[in-house]
Amino acid sequence: MSTTIDRREAPVSRKGLGVKGVAIALLLLPLFLAGCISSSSPSPPASTTVVVPSGATAVCADGTAPPCR
């Protein structure tokens, strides 16, 4: 008497990320975006006051005399 053994493996399910993967991605996304926002440089102030010691001369960034525009 001869017995045959079936050695086929069970099929492997490949669903991609699935629900858990999508949920994890949605939870981590704000952390990555927060890092990008915090590393951006702040905007320059609307106006700046510079104190020049007496006897010194001041010149604007464009080379003109104060008040600077």
PDB file of N, CA and C in Angstrom:
ATOM      1  N   MET A   1       0.830  -1.161   0.000  1.00  0.00           N
ATOM      2  CA  MET A   1       0.000   0.000   0.000  1.00  0.00           C
ATOM      3  C   MET A   1       0.890   1.245   0.000  1.00  0.00           C
ATOM      4  N   SER A   2       0.590   2.220  -0.862  1.00  0.00           N
ATOM      5  CA  SER A   2       1.388   3.428  -1.046  1.00  0.00           C
ATOM      6  C   SER A   2       0.571   4.648  -0.644  1.00  0.00           C
ATOM      7  N   THR A   3       1.203   5.550   0.073  1.00  0.00           N
ATOM      8  CA  THR A   3       0.512   6.780   0.484  1.00  0.00           C
ATOM      9  C   THR A   3       1.182   7.974  -0.194  1.00  0.00           C
ATOM     10  N   THR A   4       0.379   8.853  -0.692  1.00  0.00           N
ATOM     11  CA  THR A   4       0.897  10.063  -1.320  1.00  0.00           C
ATOM     12  C   THR A   4       0.704  11.239  -0.361  1.00  0.00           C
ATOM     13  N   ILE A   5       1.775  11.952  -0.144  1.00  0.00           N
ATOM     14  CA  ILE A   5       1.699  13.117   0.753  1.00  0.00           C
ATOM     15  C   ILE A   5       1.693  14.371  -0.113  1.00  0.00           C
ATOM     16  N   ASP A   6       0.721  15.198   0.115  1.00  0.00           N
ATOM     17  CA  ASP A   6       0.600  16.465  -0.629  1.00  0.00           C
ATOM     18  C   ASP A   6       1.469  17.511   0.069  1.00  0.00           C
ATOM     19  N   ARG A   7       2.517  17.980  -0.605  1.00  0.00           N
ATOM     20  CA  ARG A   7       3.446  18.919   0.016  1.00  0.00           C
ATOM     21  C   ARG A   7       3.253  20.355  -0.482  1.00  0.00           C
ATOM     22  N   ARG A   8       2.125  20.671  -0.969  1.00  0.00           N
ATOM     23  CA  ARG A   8       1.864  22.048  -1.407  1.00  0.00           C
ATOM     24  C   ARG A   8       1.722  22.951  -0.189  1.00  0.00           C
ATOM     25  N   GLU A   9       2.303  24.128  -0.291  1.00  0.00           N
ATOM     26  CA  GLU A   9       2.205  25.084   0.819  1.00  0.00           C
ATOM     27  C   GLU A   9       0.952  25.925   0.665  1.00  0.00           C
ATOM     28  N   ALA A  10       0.499  26.446   1.781  1.00  0.00           N
ATOM     29  CA  ALA A  10      -0.682  27.301   1.758  1.00  0.00           C
ATOM     30  C   ALA A  10      -0.337  28.597   1.028  1.00  0.00           C
ATOM     31  N   PRO A  11      -1.250  29.142   0.275  1.00  0.00           N
ATOM     32  CA  PRO A  11      -0.973  30.401  -0.444  1.00  0.00           C
ATOM     33  C   PRO A  11      -0.711  31.547   0.537  1.00  0.00           C
ATOM     34  N   VAL A  12       0.215  32.405   0.171  1.00  0.00           N
ATOM     35  CA  VAL A  12       0.570  33.551   1.009  1.00  0.00           C
ATOM     36  C   VAL A  12      -0.259  34.744   0.565  1.00  0.00           C
ATOM     37  N   SER A  13      -0.882  35.396   1.523  1.00  0.00           N
ATOM     38  CA  SER A  13      -1.710  36.554   1.215  1.00  0.00           C
ATOM     39  C   SER A  13      -0.831  37.801   1.142  1.00  0.00           C
ATOM     40  N   ARG A  14      -0.948  38.571   0.071  1.00  0.00           N
ATOM     41  CA  ARG A  14      -0.189  39.808  -0.091  1.00  0.00           C
ATOM     42  C   ARG A  14      -1.181  40.942  -0.322  1.00  0.00           C
ATOM     43  N   LYS A  15      -1.538  41.586   0.755  1.00  0.00           N
ATOM     44  CA  LYS A  15      -2.531  42.655   0.661  1.00  0.00           C
ATOM     45  C   LYS A  15      -1.897  44.034   0.643  1.00  0.00           C
ATOM     46  N   GLY A  16      -0.585  44.140   0.617  1.00  0.00           N
ATOM     47  CA  GLY A  16       0.059  45.439   0.644  1.00  0.00           C
ATOM     48  C   GLY A  16       0.104  45.981   2.062  1.00  0.00           C
ATOM     49  N   LEU A  17      -0.133  47.251   2.212  1.00  0.00           N
ATOM     50  CA  LEU A  17      -0.079  47.865   3.538  1.00  0.00           C
ATOM     51  C   LEU A  17      -1.227  47.427   4.431  1.00  0.00           C
ATOM     52  N   GLY A  18      -2.369  47.303   3.880  1.00  0.00           N
ATOM     53  CA  GLY A  18      -3.525  46.934   4.679  1.00  0.00           C
ATOM     54  C   GLY A  18      -3.994  48.093   5.543  1.00  0.00           C
ATOM     55  N   VAL A  19      -4.971  47.826   6.368  1.00  0.00           N
ATOM     56  CA  VAL A  19      -5.567  48.869   7.202  1.00  0.00           C
ATOM     57  C   VAL A  19      -4.582  49.341   8.262  1.00  0.00           C
ATOM     58  N   LYS A  20      -3.835  48.418   8.872  1.00  0.00           N
ATOM     59  CA  LYS A  20      -2.881  48.797   9.913  1.00  0.00           C
ATOM     60  C   LYS A  20      -1.775  49.684   9.345  1.00  0.00           C
ATOM     61  N   GLY A  21      -1.287  49.343   8.178  1.00  0.00           N
ATOM     62  CA  GLY A  21      -0.224  50.132   7.561  1.00  0.00           C
ATOM     63  C   GLY A  21      -0.682  51.544   7.228  1.00  0.00           C
ATOM     64  N   VAL A  22      -1.890  51.670   6.726  1.00  0.00           N
ATOM     65  CA  VAL A  22      -2.434  52.993   6.400  1.00  0.00           C
ATOM     66  C   VAL A  22      -2.633  53.802   7.669  1.00  0.00           C
ATOM     67  N   ALA A  23      -3.124  53.167   8.731  1.00  0.00           N
ATOM     68  CA  ALA A  23      -3.334  53.864  10.000  1.00  0.00           C
ATOM     69  C   ALA A  23      -2.005  54.355  10.576  1.00  0.00           C
ATOM     70  N   ILE A  24      -0.984  53.529  10.508  1.00  0.00           N
ATOM     71  CA  ILE A  24       0.334  53.930  11.013  1.00  0.00           C
ATOM     72  C   ILE A  24       0.888  55.087  10.189  1.00  0.00           C
ATOM     73  N   ALA A  25       0.724  55.020   8.869  1.00  0.00           N
ATOM     74  CA  ALA A  25       1.203  56.099   8.000  1.00  0.00           C
ATOM     75  C   ALA A  25       0.488  57.412   8.308  1.00  0.00           C
ATOM     76  N   LEU A  26      -0.808  57.351   8.559  1.00  0.00           N
ATOM     77  CA  LEU A  26      -1.554  58.565   8.881  1.00  0.00           C
ATOM     78  C   LEU A  26      -1.155  59.130  10.237  1.00  0.00           C
ATOM     79  N   LEU A  27      -0.759  58.272  11.165  1.00  0.00           N
ATOM     80  CA  LEU A  27      -0.320  58.756  12.475  1.00  0.00           C
ATOM     81  C   LEU A  27       1.081  59.363  12.416  1.00  0.00           C
ATOM     82  N   LEU A  28       1.939  58.856  11.554  1.00  0.00           N
ATOM     83  CA  LEU A  28       3.301  59.367  11.462  1.00  0.00           C
ATOM     84  C   LEU A  28       3.426  60.597  10.568  1.00  0.00           C
ATOM     85  N   LEU A  29       2.504  60.791   9.664  1.00  0.00           N
ATOM     86  CA  LEU A  29       2.564  61.912   8.726  1.00  0.00           C
ATOM     87  C   LEU A  29       2.637  63.269   9.433  1.00  0.00           C
ATOM     88  N   PRO A  30       1.819  63.560  10.448  1.00  0.00           N
ATOM     89  CA  PRO A  30       1.931  64.860  11.124  1.00  0.00           C
ATOM     90  C   PRO A  30       3.294  65.081  11.770  1.00  0.00           C
ATOM     91  N   LEU A  31       3.941  64.029  12.244  1.00  0.00           N
ATOM     92  CA  LEU A  31       5.260  64.190  12.853  1.00  0.00           C
ATOM     93  C   LEU A  31       6.285  64.644  11.816  1.00  0.00           C
ATOM     94  N   PHE A  32       6.220  64.073  10.620  1.00  0.00           N
ATOM     95  CA  PHE A  32       7.146  64.488   9.570  1.00  0.00           C
ATOM     96  C   PHE A  32       6.855  65.914   9.120  1.00  0.00           C
ATOM     97  N   LEU A  33       5.592  66.275   9.004  1.00  0.00           N
ATOM     98  CA  LEU A  33       5.237  67.627   8.583  1.00  0.00           C
ATOM     99  C   LEU A  33       5.616  68.654   9.639  1.00  0.00           C
ATOM    100  N   ALA A  34       5.477  68.309  10.904  1.00  0.00           N
ATOM    101  CA  ALA A  34       5.851  69.235  11.978  1.00  0.00           C
ATOM    102  C   ALA A  34       7.340  69.515  11.930  1.00  0.00           C
ATOM    103  N   GLY A  35       8.131  68.523  11.597  1.00  0.00           N
ATOM    104  CA  GLY A  35       9.571  68.732  11.478  1.00  0.00           C
ATOM    105  C   GLY A  35       9.906  69.679  10.349  1.00  0.00           C
ATOM    106  N   CYS A  36       9.197  69.609   9.261  1.00  0.00           N
ATOM    107  CA  CYS A  36       9.442  70.505   8.133  1.00  0.00           C
ATOM    108  C   CYS A  36       9.048  71.935   8.468  1.00  0.00           C
ATOM    109  N   ILE A  37       7.938  72.096   9.145  1.00  0.00           N
ATOM    110  CA  ILE A  37       7.458  73.437   9.479  1.00  0.00           C
ATOM    111  C   ILE A  37       8.374  74.108  10.490  1.00  0.00           C
ATOM    112  N   SER A  38       8.839  73.366  11.497  1.00  0.00           N
ATOM    113  CA  SER A  38       9.673  73.966  12.537  1.00  0.00           C
ATOM    114  C   SER A  38      11.050  74.336  12.021  1.00  0.00           C
ATOM    115  N   SER A  39      11.517  73.722  10.945  1.00  0.00           N
ATOM    116  CA  SER A  39      12.848  74.031  10.436  1.00  0.00           C
ATOM    117  C   SER A  39      12.847  75.197   9.451  1.00  0.00           C
ATOM    118  N   SER A  40      11.687  75.708   9.075  1.00  0.00           N
ATOM    119  CA  SER A  40      11.646  76.834   8.148  1.00  0.00           C
ATOM    120  C   SER A  40      12.040  78.118   8.873  1.00  0.00           C
ATOM    121  N   SER A  41      12.657  79.039   8.160  1.00  0.00           N
ATOM    122  CA  SER A  41      13.135  80.272   8.780  1.00  0.00           C
ATOM    123  C   SER A  41      11.980  81.244   8.994  1.00  0.00           C
ATOM    124  N   PRO A  42      12.016  81.993  10.091  1.00  0.00           N
ATOM    125  CA  PRO A  42      10.944  82.962  10.356  1.00  0.00           C
ATOM    126  C   PRO A  42      11.054  84.165   9.422  1.00  0.00           C
ATOM    127  N   SER A  43       9.956  84.849   9.228  1.00  0.00           N
ATOM    128  CA  SER A  43       9.964  86.029   8.369  1.00  0.00           C
ATOM    129  C   SER A  43      10.677  87.177   9.088  1.00  0.00           C
ATOM    130  N   PRO A  44      11.293  88.076   8.347  1.00  0.00           N
ATOM    131  CA  PRO A  44      12.000  89.201   8.977  1.00  0.00           C
ATOM    132  C   PRO A  44      11.005  90.156   9.638  1.00  0.00           C
ATOM    133  N   PRO A  45      11.446  90.884  10.635  1.00  0.00           N
ATOM    134  CA  PRO A  45      10.552  91.834  11.309  1.00  0.00           C
ATOM    135  C   PRO A  45      10.141  92.970  10.369  1.00  0.00           C
ATOM    136  N   ALA A  46       9.004  93.580  10.654  1.00  0.00           N
ATOM    137  CA  ALA A  46       8.494  94.663   9.809  1.00  0.00           C
ATOM    138  C   ALA A  46       9.404  95.884   9.862  1.00  0.00           C
ATOM    139  N   SER A  47       9.937  96.209  11.043  1.00  0.00           N
ATOM    140  CA  SER A  47      10.854  97.334  11.166  1.00  0.00           C
ATOM    141  C   SER A  47      11.897  97.008  12.224  1.00  0.00           C
ATOM    142  N   THR A  48      13.071  97.594  12.074  1.00  0.00           N
ATOM    143  CA  THR A  48      14.167  97.354  13.002  1.00  0.00           C
ATOM    144  C   THR A  48      14.746  98.692  13.432  1.00  0.00           C
ATOM    145  N   THR A  49      15.033  98.817  14.707  1.00  0.00           N
ATOM    146  CA  THR A  49      15.664 100.025  15.228  1.00  0.00           C
ATOM    147  C   THR A  49      17.122  99.716  15.510  1.00  0.00           C
ATOM    148  N   VAL A  50      18.020 100.522  14.961  1.00  0.00           N
ATOM    149  CA  VAL A  50      19.447 100.349  15.170  1.00  0.00           C
ATOM    150  C   VAL A  50      19.962 101.578  15.908  1.00  0.00           C
ATOM    151  N   VAL A  51      20.673 101.342  17.001  1.00  0.00           N
ATOM    152  CA  VAL A  51      21.259 102.441  17.772  1.00  0.00           C
ATOM    153  C   VAL A  51      22.698 102.604  17.324  1.00  0.00           C
ATOM    154  N   VAL A  52      23.030 103.837  16.875  1.00  0.00           N
ATOM    155  CA  VAL A  52      24.380 104.136  16.401  1.00  0.00           C
ATOM    156  C   VAL A  52      25.043 105.027  17.431  1.00  0.00           C
ATOM    157  N   PRO A  53      26.229 104.644  17.906  1.00  0.00           N
ATOM    158  CA  PRO A  53      26.928 105.476  18.896  1.00  0.00           C
ATOM    159  C   PRO A  53      27.233 106.865  18.338  1.00  0.00           C
ATOM    160  N   SER A  54      27.326 107.842  19.228  1.00  0.00           N
ATOM    161  CA  SER A  54      27.603 109.215  18.768  1.00  0.00           C
ATOM    162  C   SER A  54      28.998 109.281  18.148  1.00  0.00           C
ATOM    163  N   GLY A  55      29.104 110.012  17.079  1.00  0.00           N
ATOM    164  CA  GLY A  55      30.361 110.148  16.364  1.00  0.00           C
ATOM    165  C   GLY A  55      30.538 109.113  15.262  1.00  0.00           C
ATOM    166  N   ALA A  56      29.677 108.116  15.202  1.00  0.00           N
ATOM    167  CA  ALA A  56      29.786 107.091  14.165  1.00  0.00           C
ATOM    168  C   ALA A  56      28.856 107.452  13.017  1.00  0.00           C
ATOM    169  N   THR A  57      29.133 106.913  11.854  1.00  0.00           N
ATOM    170  CA  THR A  57      28.261 107.153  10.708  1.00  0.00           C
ATOM    171  C   THR A  57      27.502 105.881  10.375  1.00  0.00           C
ATOM    172  N   ALA A  58      26.300 106.055   9.881  1.00  0.00           N
ATOM    173  CA  ALA A  58      25.464 104.904   9.525  1.00  0.00           C
ATOM    174  C   ALA A  58      25.138 104.968   8.046  1.00  0.00           C
ATOM    175  N   VAL A  59      25.124 103.828   7.415  1.00  0.00           N
ATOM    176  CA  VAL A  59      24.791 103.716   6.005  1.00  0.00           C
ATOM    177  C   VAL A  59      23.798 102.564   5.864  1.00  0.00           C
ATOM    178  N   CYS A  60      22.784 102.754   5.028  1.00  0.00           N
ATOM    179  CA  CYS A  60      21.789 101.701   4.787  1.00  0.00           C
ATOM    180  C   CYS A  60      22.417 100.569   3.970  1.00  0.00           C
ATOM    181  N   ALA A  61      21.735  99.432   3.934  1.00  0.00           N
ATOM    182  CA  ALA A  61      22.224  98.261   3.210  1.00  0.00           C
ATOM    183  C   ALA A  61      22.421  98.541   1.724  1.00  0.00           C
ATOM    184  N   ASP A  62      21.611  99.456   1.171  1.00  0.00           N
ATOM    185  CA  ASP A  62      21.747  99.796  -0.253  1.00  0.00           C
ATOM    186  C   ASP A  62      22.757 100.917  -0.502  1.00  0.00           C
ATOM    187  N   GLY A  63      23.453 101.382   0.568  1.00  0.00           N
ATOM    188  CA  GLY A  63      24.484 102.395   0.429  1.00  0.00           C
ATOM    189  C   GLY A  63      24.011 103.816   0.594  1.00  0.00           C
ATOM    190  N   THR A  64      22.712 104.035   0.793  1.00  0.00           N
ATOM    191  CA  THR A  64      22.188 105.384   0.968  1.00  0.00           C
ATOM    192  C   THR A  64      22.223 105.783   2.436  1.00  0.00           C
ATOM    193  N   ALA A  65      22.021 107.082   2.688  1.00  0.00           N
ATOM    194  CA  ALA A  65      22.004 107.597   4.064  1.00  0.00           C
ATOM    195  C   ALA A  65      20.649 107.297   4.706  1.00  0.00           C
ATOM    196  N   PRO A  66      20.619 107.147   6.024  1.00  0.00           N
ATOM    197  CA  PRO A  66      19.340 106.896   6.719  1.00  0.00           C
ATOM    198  C   PRO A  66      18.383 108.052   6.524  1.00  0.00           C
ATOM    199  N   PRO A  67      17.089 107.907   6.648  1.00  0.00           N
ATOM    200  CA  PRO A  67      16.380 106.691   7.036  1.00  0.00           C
ATOM    201  C   PRO A  67      16.339 105.675   5.900  1.00  0.00           C
ATOM    202  N   CYS A  68      16.521 104.421   6.240  1.00  0.00           N
ATOM    203  CA  CYS A  68      16.559 103.352   5.246  1.00  0.00           C
ATOM    204  C   CYS A  68      15.158 102.927   4.853  1.00  0.00           C
ATOM    205  N   ARG A  69      14.987 102.489   3.639  1.00  0.00           N
ATOM    206  CA  ARG A  69      13.678 102.034   3.176  1.00  0.00           C
ATOM    207  C   ARG A  69      13.566 100.555   3.253  1.00  0.00           C
TER     208      ARG A  69
END
